Amino acid sequence: MPFSNYELVECDIVRYSCKISYDIVLAHLLLGEATKFGNNTFESVLKALLEIETRILVIIDIYNDPDVHYGLLLKRVLEKWTIRKAISIDRYIAITLTSASDSD
C-alpha cells in the first residue's frame, strides 16, 4: 500500500485538535501508557480518544493494566459506540467499535 493512502498521527491525544474524520482509528496500548506523559488522566485520554471522528475505532490494550479502568471504558464506549467484536488473547484485549449511527 502506498504511503499516501493513510495518515499516521502520533501526538499527545489530549491536546490533539482534529478537524477531519478518519475511516479507522487504532489505539494500540494507548490508554494506560498515555497517562504517563503530560500529566494526563485516564479519563482525559479516554474522552479525547472517543471524540475523534471515525467510523471504526479499534482499541488494543493490556487486560490487567492498572492504569486502564475498564468499567469506565465500557460505560463511555456504550454512550456513543457499538461493540462489534471483543477478543482477549493472552494478556491483551482488543475491542472493535463502530459509531452508533453506523450500526445498522
PDB file of N, CA and C in Angstrom:
ATOM      1  N   MET A   1       0.840  -1.178   0.000  1.00  0.00           N
ATOM      2  CA  MET A   1       0.000   0.000   0.000  1.00  0.00           C
ATOM      3  C   MET A   1       0.885   1.241   0.000  1.00  0.00           C
ATOM      4  N   PRO A   2       0.668   2.152  -0.924  1.00  0.00           N
ATOM      5  CA  PRO A   2       1.456   3.385  -0.946  1.00  0.00           C
ATOM      6  C   PRO A   2       1.222   4.209   0.313  1.00  0.00           C
ATOM      7  N   PHE A   3       2.250   4.916   0.739  1.00  0.00           N
ATOM      8  CA  PHE A   3       2.151   5.726   1.949  1.00  0.00           C
ATOM      9  C   PHE A   3       1.091   6.814   1.840  1.00  0.00           C
ATOM     10  N   SER A   4       0.776   7.261   0.661  1.00  0.00           N
ATOM     11  CA  SER A   4      -0.180   8.353   0.503  1.00  0.00           C
ATOM     12  C   SER A   4      -1.620   7.947   0.813  1.00  0.00           C
ATOM     13  N   ASN A   5      -1.879   6.667   1.020  1.00  0.00           N
ATOM     14  CA  ASN A   5      -3.242   6.207   1.288  1.00  0.00           C
ATOM     15  C   ASN A   5      -3.646   6.290   2.746  1.00  0.00           C
ATOM     16  N   TYR A   6      -2.763   6.659   3.616  1.00  0.00           N
ATOM     17  CA  TYR A   6      -3.127   6.767   5.027  1.00  0.00           C
ATOM     18  C   TYR A   6      -2.282   7.828   5.707  1.00  0.00           C
ATOM     19  N   GLU A   7      -2.770   8.245   6.858  1.00  0.00           N
ATOM     20  CA  GLU A   7      -2.072   9.250   7.639  1.00  0.00           C
ATOM     21  C   GLU A   7      -1.793   8.668   9.019  1.00  0.00           C
ATOM     22  N   LEU A   8      -0.566   8.768   9.460  1.00  0.00           N
ATOM     23  CA  LEU A   8      -0.180   8.315  10.784  1.00  0.00           C
ATOM     24  C   LEU A   8       0.012   9.549  11.652  1.00  0.00           C
ATOM     25  N   VAL A   9      -0.756   9.624  12.736  1.00  0.00           N
ATOM     26  CA  VAL A   9      -0.666  10.765  13.638  1.00  0.00           C
ATOM     27  C   VAL A   9      -0.202  10.255  14.989  1.00  0.00           C
ATOM     28  N   GLU A  10       0.905  10.791  15.465  1.00  0.00           N
ATOM     29  CA  GLU A  10       1.410  10.438  16.787  1.00  0.00           C
ATOM     30  C   GLU A  10       1.595  11.740  17.554  1.00  0.00           C
ATOM     31  N   CYS A  11       0.789  11.894  18.629  1.00  0.00           N
ATOM     32  CA  CYS A  11       0.812  13.155  19.364  1.00  0.00           C
ATOM     33  C   CYS A  11       0.188  12.944  20.738  1.00  0.00           C
ATOM     34  N   ASP A  12       0.206  13.988  21.540  1.00  0.00           N
ATOM     35  CA  ASP A  12      -0.497  13.961  22.819  1.00  0.00           C
ATOM     36  C   ASP A  12      -1.980  14.050  22.501  1.00  0.00           C
ATOM     37  N   ILE A  13      -2.687  12.964  22.661  1.00  0.00           N
ATOM     38  CA  ILE A  13      -4.079  12.882  22.216  1.00  0.00           C
ATOM     39  C   ILE A  13      -4.982  13.878  22.937  1.00  0.00           C
ATOM     40  N   VAL A  14      -4.651  14.225  24.162  1.00  0.00           N
ATOM     41  CA  VAL A  14      -5.481  15.171  24.916  1.00  0.00           C
ATOM     42  C   VAL A  14      -5.394  16.568  24.300  1.00  0.00           C
ATOM     43  N   ARG A  15      -4.264  16.896  23.719  1.00  0.00           N
ATOM     44  CA  ARG A  15      -4.073  18.216  23.128  1.00  0.00           C
ATOM     45  C   ARG A  15      -4.246  18.217  21.606  1.00  0.00           C
ATOM     46  N   TYR A  16      -4.635  17.098  21.043  1.00  0.00           N
ATOM     47  CA  TYR A  16      -4.812  16.965  19.595  1.00  0.00           C
ATOM     48  C   TYR A  16      -6.168  17.529  19.198  1.00  0.00           C
ATOM     49  N   SER A  17      -6.166  18.508  18.321  1.00  0.00           N
ATOM     50  CA  SER A  17      -7.445  19.031  17.855  1.00  0.00           C
ATOM     51  C   SER A  17      -7.623  18.603  16.406  1.00  0.00           C
ATOM     52  N   CYS A  18      -8.470  17.654  16.228  1.00  0.00           N
ATOM     53  CA  CYS A  18      -8.688  17.029  14.927  1.00  0.00           C
ATOM     54  C   CYS A  18      -9.855  17.707  14.221  1.00  0.00           C
ATOM     55  N   LYS A  19      -9.626  18.150  13.026  1.00  0.00           N
ATOM     56  CA  LYS A  19     -10.665  18.818  12.252  1.00  0.00           C
ATOM     57  C   LYS A  19     -11.172  17.947  11.101  1.00  0.00           C
ATOM     58  N   ILE A  20     -10.666  16.722  10.990  1.00  0.00           N
ATOM     59  CA  ILE A  20     -11.090  15.845   9.905  1.00  0.00           C
ATOM     60  C   ILE A  20     -11.632  14.545  10.492  1.00  0.00           C
ATOM     61  N   SER A  21     -12.254  13.759   9.634  1.00  0.00           N
ATOM     62  CA  SER A  21     -12.796  12.469  10.034  1.00  0.00           C
ATOM     63  C   SER A  21     -11.925  11.367   9.430  1.00  0.00           C
ATOM     64  N   TYR A  22     -11.762  10.286  10.164  1.00  0.00           N
ATOM     65  CA  TYR A  22     -10.955   9.156   9.709  1.00  0.00           C
ATOM     66  C   TYR A  22     -11.852   7.951   9.447  1.00  0.00           C
ATOM     67  N   ASP A  23     -11.434   7.083   8.546  1.00  0.00           N
ATOM     68  CA  ASP A  23     -12.156   5.831   8.316  1.00  0.00           C
ATOM     69  C   ASP A  23     -11.966   4.887   9.500  1.00  0.00           C
ATOM     70  N   ILE A  24     -10.732   4.803   9.995  1.00  0.00           N
ATOM     71  CA  ILE A  24     -10.421   3.884  11.091  1.00  0.00           C
ATOM     72  C   ILE A  24      -9.355   4.517  11.983  1.00  0.00           C
ATOM     73  N   VAL A  25      -9.510   4.334  13.281  1.00  0.00           N
ATOM     74  CA  VAL A  25      -8.526   4.795  14.255  1.00  0.00           C
ATOM     75  C   VAL A  25      -8.105   3.593  15.077  1.00  0.00           C
ATOM     76  N   LEU A  26      -6.802   3.398  15.222  1.00  0.00           N
ATOM     77  CA  LEU A  26      -6.248   2.318  16.019  1.00  0.00           C
ATOM     78  C   LEU A  26      -5.580   2.908  17.260  1.00  0.00           C
ATOM     79  N   ALA A  27      -6.079   2.529  18.416  1.00  0.00           N
ATOM     80  CA  ALA A  27      -5.476   2.956  19.688  1.00  0.00           C
ATOM     81  C   ALA A  27      -4.774   1.734  20.263  1.00  0.00           C
ATOM     82  N   HIS A  28      -3.487   1.626  20.021  1.00  0.00           N
ATOM     83  CA  HIS A  28      -2.716   0.456  20.421  1.00  0.00           C
ATOM     84  C   HIS A  28      -1.913   0.766  21.676  1.00  0.00           C
ATOM     85  N   LEU A  29      -2.253   0.115  22.772  1.00  0.00           N
ATOM     86  CA  LEU A  29      -1.584   0.301  24.064  1.00  0.00           C
ATOM     87  C   LEU A  29      -1.547   1.781  24.454  1.00  0.00           C
ATOM     88  N   LEU A  30      -2.608   2.479  24.152  1.00  0.00           N
ATOM     89  CA  LEU A  30      -2.655   3.925  24.357  1.00  0.00           C
ATOM     90  C   LEU A  30      -3.166   4.318  25.736  1.00  0.00           C
ATOM     91  N   LEU A  31      -4.226   3.707  26.191  1.00  0.00           N
ATOM     92  CA  LEU A  31      -4.955   4.234  27.339  1.00  0.00           C
ATOM     93  C   LEU A  31      -4.133   4.295  28.613  1.00  0.00           C
ATOM     94  N   GLY A  32      -3.460   3.239  28.981  1.00  0.00           N
ATOM     95  CA  GLY A  32      -2.638   3.265  30.182  1.00  0.00           C
ATOM     96  C   GLY A  32      -1.340   4.011  29.969  1.00  0.00           C
ATOM     97  N   GLU A  33      -0.749   3.839  28.806  1.00  0.00           N
ATOM     98  CA  GLU A  33       0.549   4.444  28.514  1.00  0.00           C
ATOM     99  C   GLU A  33       0.459   5.964  28.443  1.00  0.00           C
ATOM    100  N   ALA A  34      -0.617   6.488  27.876  1.00  0.00           N
ATOM    101  CA  ALA A  34      -0.748   7.936  27.704  1.00  0.00           C
ATOM    102  C   ALA A  34      -0.871   8.670  29.036  1.00  0.00           C
ATOM    103  N   THR A  35      -1.264   7.974  30.081  1.00  0.00           N
ATOM    104  CA  THR A  35      -1.381   8.625  31.387  1.00  0.00           C
ATOM    105  C   THR A  35      -0.011   8.912  31.995  1.00  0.00           C
ATOM    106  N   LYS A  36       1.032   8.318  31.440  1.00  0.00           N
ATOM    107  CA  LYS A  36       2.381   8.502  31.978  1.00  0.00           C
ATOM    108  C   LYS A  36       3.056   9.764  31.445  1.00  0.00           C
ATOM    109  N   PHE A  37       2.410  10.439  30.489  1.00  0.00           N
ATOM    110  CA  PHE A  37       3.015  11.604  29.844  1.00  0.00           C
ATOM    111  C   PHE A  37       2.090  12.808  29.953  1.00  0.00           C
ATOM    112  N   GLY A  38       2.657  13.959  30.118  1.00  0.00           N
ATOM    113  CA  GLY A  38       1.904  15.202  30.072  1.00  0.00           C
ATOM    114  C   GLY A  38       0.874  15.388  31.167  1.00  0.00           C
ATOM    115  N   ASN A  39       1.011  14.681  32.268  1.00  0.00           N
ATOM    116  CA  ASN A  39       0.047  14.777  33.375  1.00  0.00           C
ATOM    117  C   ASN A  39      -1.381  14.472  32.945  1.00  0.00           C
ATOM    118  N   ASN A  40      -1.546  13.589  31.969  1.00  0.00           N
ATOM    119  CA  ASN A  40      -2.877  13.207  31.515  1.00  0.00           C
ATOM    120  C   ASN A  40      -3.497  12.203  32.469  1.00  0.00           C
ATOM    121  N   THR A  41      -4.813  12.277  32.635  1.00  0.00           N
ATOM    122  CA  THR A  41      -5.536  11.285  33.417  1.00  0.00           C
ATOM    123  C   THR A  41      -6.143  10.265  32.459  1.00  0.00           C
ATOM    124  N   PHE A  42      -6.494   9.111  32.979  1.00  0.00           N
ATOM    125  CA  PHE A  42      -7.150   8.099  32.154  1.00  0.00           C
ATOM    126  C   PHE A  42      -8.421   8.677  31.536  1.00  0.00           C
ATOM    127  N   GLU A  43      -9.197   9.382  32.344  1.00  0.00           N
ATOM    128  CA  GLU A  43     -10.459   9.942  31.868  1.00  0.00           C
ATOM    129  C   GLU A  43     -10.244  10.940  30.725  1.00  0.00           C
ATOM    130  N   SER A  44      -9.200  11.793  30.826  1.00  0.00           N
ATOM    131  CA  SER A  44      -8.968  12.779  29.770  1.00  0.00           C
ATOM    132  C   SER A  44      -8.489  12.109  28.477  1.00  0.00           C
ATOM    133  N   VAL A  45      -7.677  11.071  28.612  1.00  0.00           N
ATOM    134  CA  VAL A  45      -7.204  10.339  27.428  1.00  0.00           C
ATOM    135  C   VAL A  45      -8.376   9.623  26.758  1.00  0.00           C
ATOM    136  N   LEU A  46      -9.208   8.959  27.549  1.00  0.00           N
ATOM    137  CA  LEU A  46     -10.363   8.246  27.015  1.00  0.00           C
ATOM    138  C   LEU A  46     -11.325   9.211  26.328  1.00  0.00           C
ATOM    139  N   LYS A  47     -11.604  10.334  26.959  1.00  0.00           N
ATOM    140  CA  LYS A  47     -12.508  11.333  26.388  1.00  0.00           C
ATOM    141  C   LYS A  47     -11.975  11.817  25.042  1.00  0.00           C
ATOM    142  N   ALA A  48     -10.688  12.125  24.978  1.00  0.00           N
ATOM    143  CA  ALA A  48     -10.081  12.602  23.732  1.00  0.00           C
ATOM    144  C   ALA A  48     -10.149  11.538  22.644  1.00  0.00           C
ATOM    145  N   LEU A  49      -9.883  10.299  23.001  1.00  0.00           N
ATOM    146  CA  LEU A  49      -9.938   9.208  22.026  1.00  0.00           C
ATOM    147  C   LEU A  49     -11.340   9.044  21.464  1.00  0.00           C
ATOM    148  N   LEU A  50     -12.331   9.046  22.332  1.00  0.00           N
ATOM    149  CA  LEU A  50     -13.700   8.798  21.894  1.00  0.00           C
ATOM    150  C   LEU A  50     -14.301   9.989  21.152  1.00  0.00           C
ATOM    151  N   GLU A  51     -13.648  11.147  21.187  1.00  0.00           N
ATOM    152  CA  GLU A  51     -14.143  12.316  20.461  1.00  0.00           C
ATOM    153  C   GLU A  51     -13.593  12.414  19.048  1.00  0.00           C
ATOM    154  N   ILE A  52     -12.636  11.568  18.688  1.00  0.00           N
ATOM    155  CA  ILE A  52     -12.111  11.576  17.320  1.00  0.00           C
ATOM    156  C   ILE A  52     -13.211  11.070  16.385  1.00  0.00           C
ATOM    157  N   GLU A  53     -13.452  11.819  15.320  1.00  0.00           N
ATOM    158  CA  GLU A  53     -14.473  11.430  14.346  1.00  0.00           C
ATOM    159  C   GLU A  53     -13.932  10.282  13.493  1.00  0.00           C
ATOM    160  N   THR A  54     -14.558   9.122  13.624  1.00  0.00           N
ATOM    161  CA  THR A  54     -14.149   7.947  12.854  1.00  0.00           C
ATOM    162  C   THR A  54     -15.319   6.991  12.731  1.00  0.00           C
ATOM    163  N   ARG A  55     -15.307   6.192  11.680  1.00  0.00           N
ATOM    164  CA  ARG A  55     -16.348   5.178  11.522  1.00  0.00           C
ATOM    165  C   ARG A  55     -16.026   3.938  12.348  1.00  0.00           C
ATOM    166  N   ILE A  56     -14.727   3.611  12.444  1.00  0.00           N
ATOM    167  CA  ILE A  56     -14.296   2.402  13.159  1.00  0.00           C
ATOM    168  C   ILE A  56     -13.188   2.782  14.129  1.00  0.00           C
ATOM    169  N   LEU A  57     -13.316   2.301  15.346  1.00  0.00           N
ATOM    170  CA  LEU A  57     -12.299   2.527  16.373  1.00  0.00           C
ATOM    171  C   LEU A  57     -11.873   1.166  16.906  1.00  0.00           C
ATOM    172  N   VAL A  58     -10.585   0.907  16.896  1.00  0.00           N
ATOM    173  CA  VAL A  58     -10.044  -0.343  17.428  1.00  0.00           C
ATOM    174  C   VAL A  58      -9.160   0.008  18.621  1.00  0.00           C
ATOM    175  N   ILE A  59      -9.475  -0.582  19.769  1.00  0.00           N
ATOM    176  CA  ILE A  59      -8.694  -0.353  20.987  1.00  0.00           C
ATOM    177  C   ILE A  59      -8.014  -1.668  21.350  1.00  0.00           C
ATOM    178  N   ILE A  60      -6.702  -1.640  21.473  1.00  0.00           N
ATOM    179  CA  ILE A  60      -5.927  -2.808  21.897  1.00  0.00           C
ATOM    180  C   ILE A  60      -5.148  -2.397  23.137  1.00  0.00           C
ATOM    181  N   ASP A  61      -5.284  -3.169  24.192  1.00  0.00           N
ATOM    182  CA  ASP A  61      -4.584  -2.823  25.416  1.00  0.00           C
ATOM    183  C   ASP A  61      -4.272  -4.084  26.213  1.00  0.00           C
ATOM    184  N   ILE A  62      -3.502  -3.894  27.262  1.00  0.00           N
ATOM    185  CA  ILE A  62      -3.177  -5.000  28.171  1.00  0.00           C
ATOM    186  C   ILE A  62      -4.315  -5.128  29.165  1.00  0.00           C
ATOM    187  N   TYR A  63      -4.861  -6.326  29.262  1.00  0.00           N
ATOM    188  CA  TYR A  63      -6.063  -6.540  30.052  1.00  0.00           C
ATOM    189  C   TYR A  63      -5.887  -6.168  31.526  1.00  0.00           C
ATOM    190  N   ASN A  64      -4.738  -6.429  32.071  1.00  0.00           N
ATOM    191  CA  ASN A  64      -4.550  -6.167  33.501  1.00  0.00           C
ATOM    192  C   ASN A  64      -3.725  -4.910  33.771  1.00  0.00           C
ATOM    193  N   ASP A  65      -3.753  -3.953  32.854  1.00  0.00           N
ATOM    194  CA  ASP A  65      -3.046  -2.682  33.047  1.00  0.00           C
ATOM    195  C   ASP A  65      -3.735  -1.912  34.175  1.00  0.00           C
ATOM    196  N   PRO A  66      -3.038  -1.633  35.271  1.00  0.00           N
ATOM    197  CA  PRO A  66      -3.679  -0.966  36.408  1.00  0.00           C
ATOM    198  C   PRO A  66      -4.104   0.467  36.104  1.00  0.00           C
ATOM    199  N   ASP A  67      -3.591   1.067  35.030  1.00  0.00           N
ATOM    200  CA  ASP A  67      -3.967   2.429  34.674  1.00  0.00           C
ATOM    201  C   ASP A  67      -5.206   2.502  33.784  1.00  0.00           C
ATOM    202  N   VAL A  68      -5.706   1.353  33.331  1.00  0.00           N
ATOM    203  CA  VAL A  68      -6.887   1.308  32.475  1.00  0.00           C
ATOM    204  C   VAL A  68      -8.081   0.893  33.319  1.00  0.00           C
ATOM    205  N   HIS A  69      -9.082   1.742  33.350  1.00  0.00           N
ATOM    206  CA  HIS A  69     -10.298   1.471  34.119  1.00  0.00           C
ATOM    207  C   HIS A  69     -11.357   0.943  33.147  1.00  0.00           C
ATOM    208  N   TYR A  70     -11.451  -0.384  33.056  1.00  0.00           N
ATOM    209  CA  TYR A  70     -12.314  -0.992  32.044  1.00  0.00           C
ATOM    210  C   TYR A  70     -13.792  -0.719  32.282  1.00  0.00           C
ATOM    211  N   GLY A  71     -14.211  -0.555  33.520  1.00  0.00           N
ATOM    212  CA  GLY A  71     -15.609  -0.206  33.791  1.00  0.00           C
ATOM    213  C   GLY A  71     -15.963   1.135  33.173  1.00  0.00           C
ATOM    214  N   LEU A  72     -15.122   2.130  33.383  1.00  0.00           N
ATOM    215  CA  LEU A  72     -15.344   3.453  32.802  1.00  0.00           C
ATOM    216  C   LEU A  72     -15.216   3.403  31.283  1.00  0.00           C
ATOM    217  N   LEU A  73     -14.273   2.631  30.792  1.00  0.00           N
ATOM    218  CA  LEU A  73     -14.106   2.473  29.348  1.00  0.00           C
ATOM    219  C   LEU A  73     -15.404   1.970  28.722  1.00  0.00           C
ATOM    220  N   LEU A  74     -15.966   0.908  29.266  1.00  0.00           N
ATOM    221  CA  LEU A  74     -17.204   0.340  28.706  1.00  0.00           C
ATOM    222  C   LEU A  74     -18.365   1.314  28.829  1.00  0.00           C
ATOM    223  N   LYS A  75     -18.456   1.998  29.951  1.00  0.00           N
ATOM    224  CA  LYS A  75     -19.540   2.966  30.138  1.00  0.00           C
ATOM    225  C   LYS A  75     -19.476   4.059  29.081  1.00  0.00           C
ATOM    226  N   ARG A  76     -18.297   4.637  28.871  1.00  0.00           N
ATOM    227  CA  ARG A  76     -18.133   5.718  27.891  1.00  0.00           C
ATOM    228  C   ARG A  76     -18.312   5.212  26.454  1.00  0.00           C
ATOM    229  N   VAL A  77     -17.796   4.033  26.165  1.00  0.00           N
ATOM    230  CA  VAL A  77     -17.915   3.459  24.829  1.00  0.00           C
ATOM    231  C   VAL A  77     -19.384   3.269  24.464  1.00  0.00           C
ATOM    232  N   LEU A  78     -20.164   2.735  25.374  1.00  0.00           N
ATOM    233  CA  LEU A  78     -21.555   2.407  25.066  1.00  0.00           C
ATOM    234  C   LEU A  78     -22.450   3.636  24.932  1.00  0.00           C
ATOM    235  N   GLU A  79     -21.956   4.813  25.325  1.00  0.00           N
ATOM    236  CA  GLU A  79     -22.727   6.046  25.149  1.00  0.00           C
ATOM    237  C   GLU A  79     -22.806   6.460  23.679  1.00  0.00           C
ATOM    238  N   LYS A  80     -21.783   6.124  22.892  1.00  0.00           N
ATOM    239  CA  LYS A  80     -21.702   6.599  21.509  1.00  0.00           C
ATOM    240  C   LYS A  80     -21.371   5.510  20.496  1.00  0.00           C
ATOM    241  N   TRP A  81     -20.912   4.374  20.960  1.00  0.00           N
ATOM    242  CA  TRP A  81     -20.370   3.345  20.085  1.00  0.00           C
ATOM    243  C   TRP A  81     -21.113   2.030  20.224  1.00  0.00           C
ATOM    244  N   THR A  82     -20.951   1.183  19.215  1.00  0.00           N
ATOM    245  CA  THR A  82     -21.452  -0.185  19.242  1.00  0.00           C
ATOM    246  C   THR A  82     -20.241  -1.109  19.203  1.00  0.00           C
ATOM    247  N   ILE A  83     -20.185  -2.038  20.140  1.00  0.00           N
ATOM    248  CA  ILE A  83     -19.087  -3.007  20.150  1.00  0.00           C
ATOM    249  C   ILE A  83     -19.375  -4.059  19.085  1.00  0.00           C
ATOM    250  N   ARG A  84     -18.503  -4.149  18.107  1.00  0.00           N
ATOM    251  CA  ARG A  84     -18.655  -5.124  17.028  1.00  0.00           C
ATOM    252  C   ARG A  84     -17.979  -6.440  17.364  1.00  0.00           C
ATOM    253  N   LYS A  85     -16.838  -6.358  18.020  1.00  0.00           N
ATOM    254  CA  LYS A  85     -16.116  -7.576  18.381  1.00  0.00           C
ATOM    255  C   LYS A  85     -15.171  -7.245  19.523  1.00  0.00           C
ATOM    256  N   ALA A  86     -15.077  -8.160  20.449  1.00  0.00           N
ATOM    257  CA  ALA A  86     -14.111  -8.038  21.545  1.00  0.00           C
ATOM    258  C   ALA A  86     -13.450  -9.390  21.701  1.00  0.00           C
ATOM    259  N   ILE A  87     -12.132  -9.398  21.777  1.00  0.00           N
ATOM    260  CA  ILE A  87     -11.423 -10.652  21.945  1.00  0.00           C
ATOM    261  C   ILE A  87     -10.267 -10.454  22.913  1.00  0.00           C
ATOM    262  N   SER A  88      -9.925 -11.517  23.567  1.00  0.00           N
ATOM    263  CA  SER A  88      -8.805 -11.496  24.502  1.00  0.00           C
ATOM    264  C   SER A  88      -7.869 -12.641  24.140  1.00  0.00           C
ATOM    265  N   ILE A  89      -6.607 -12.304  23.947  1.00  0.00           N
ATOM    266  CA  ILE A  89      -5.584 -13.305  23.658  1.00  0.00           C
ATOM    267  C   ILE A  89      -4.441 -13.062  24.621  1.00  0.00           C
ATOM    268  N   ASP A  90      -4.108 -14.107  25.366  1.00  0.00           N
ATOM    269  CA  ASP A  90      -3.087 -13.995  26.402  1.00  0.00           C
ATOM    270  C   ASP A  90      -3.459 -12.851  27.339  1.00  0.00           C
ATOM    271  N   ARG A  91      -2.626 -11.834  27.437  1.00  0.00           N
ATOM    272  CA  ARG A  91      -2.936 -10.733  28.353  1.00  0.00           C
ATOM    273  C   ARG A  91      -3.425  -9.481  27.640  1.00  0.00           C
ATOM    274  N   TYR A  92      -3.780  -9.617  26.361  1.00  0.00           N
ATOM    275  CA  TYR A  92      -4.243  -8.477  25.577  1.00  0.00           C
ATOM    276  C   TYR A  92      -5.737  -8.571  25.312  1.00  0.00           C
ATOM    277  N   ILE A  93      -6.358  -7.412  25.199  1.00  0.00           N
ATOM    278  CA  ILE A  93      -7.766  -7.341  24.825  1.00  0.00           C
ATOM    279  C   ILE A  93      -7.876  -6.400  23.632  1.00  0.00           C
ATOM    280  N   ALA A  94      -8.722  -6.753  22.686  1.00  0.00           N
ATOM    281  CA  ALA A  94      -8.963  -5.906  21.521  1.00  0.00           C
ATOM    282  C   ALA A  94     -10.464  -5.718  21.385  1.00  0.00           C
ATOM    283  N   ILE A  95     -10.875  -4.481  21.161  1.00  0.00           N
ATOM    284  CA  ILE A  95     -12.284  -4.144  21.013  1.00  0.00           C
ATOM    285  C   ILE A  95     -12.425  -3.364  19.708  1.00  0.00           C
ATOM    286  N   THR A  96     -13.307  -3.833  18.837  1.00  0.00           N
ATOM    287  CA  THR A  96     -13.607  -3.124  17.597  1.00  0.00           C
ATOM    288  C   THR A  96     -14.956  -2.450  17.764  1.00  0.00           C
ATOM    289  N   LEU A  97     -15.006  -1.154  17.514  1.00  0.00           N
ATOM    290  CA  LEU A  97     -16.219  -0.359  17.713  1.00  0.00           C
ATOM    291  C   LEU A  97     -16.602   0.326  16.416  1.00  0.00           C
ATOM    292  N   THR A  98     -17.915   0.536  16.249  1.00  0.00           N
ATOM    293  CA  THR A  98     -18.403   1.407  15.192  1.00  0.00           C
ATOM    294  C   THR A  98     -19.283   2.452  15.855  1.00  0.00           C
ATOM    295  N   SER A  99     -19.383   3.601  15.227  1.00  0.00           N
ATOM    296  CA  SER A  99     -20.223   4.644  15.803  1.00  0.00           C
ATOM    297  C   SER A  99     -21.670   4.154  15.821  1.00  0.00           C
ATOM    298  N   ALA A 100     -22.408   4.561  16.821  1.00  0.00           N
ATOM    299  CA  ALA A 100     -23.792   4.114  16.967  1.00  0.00           C
ATOM    300  C   ALA A 100     -24.624   4.469  15.740  1.00  0.00           C
ATOM    301  N   SER A 101     -24.329   5.563  15.086  1.00  0.00           N
ATOM    302  CA  SER A 101     -25.056   5.968  13.887  1.00  0.00           C
ATOM    303  C   SER A 101     -24.739   5.077  12.686  1.00  0.00           C
ATOM    304  N   ASP A 102     -23.652   4.315  12.764  1.00  0.00           N
ATOM    305  CA  ASP A 102     -23.230   3.417  11.688  1.00  0.00           C
ATOM    306  C   ASP A 102     -23.609   1.962  11.963  1.00  0.00           C
ATOM    307  N   SER A 103     -24.404   1.695  12.968  1.00  0.00           N
ATOM    308  CA  SER A 103     -24.560   0.326  13.469  1.00  0.00           C
ATOM    309  C   SER A 103     -25.695  -0.467  12.853  1.00  0.00           C
ATOM    310  N   ASP A 104     -26.194  -0.071  11.711  1.00  0.00           N
ATOM    311  CA  ASP A 104     -27.263  -0.859  11.081  1.00  0.00           C
ATOM    312  C   ASP A 104     -26.760  -2.008  10.276  1.00  0.00           C
TER     313      ASP A 104
END
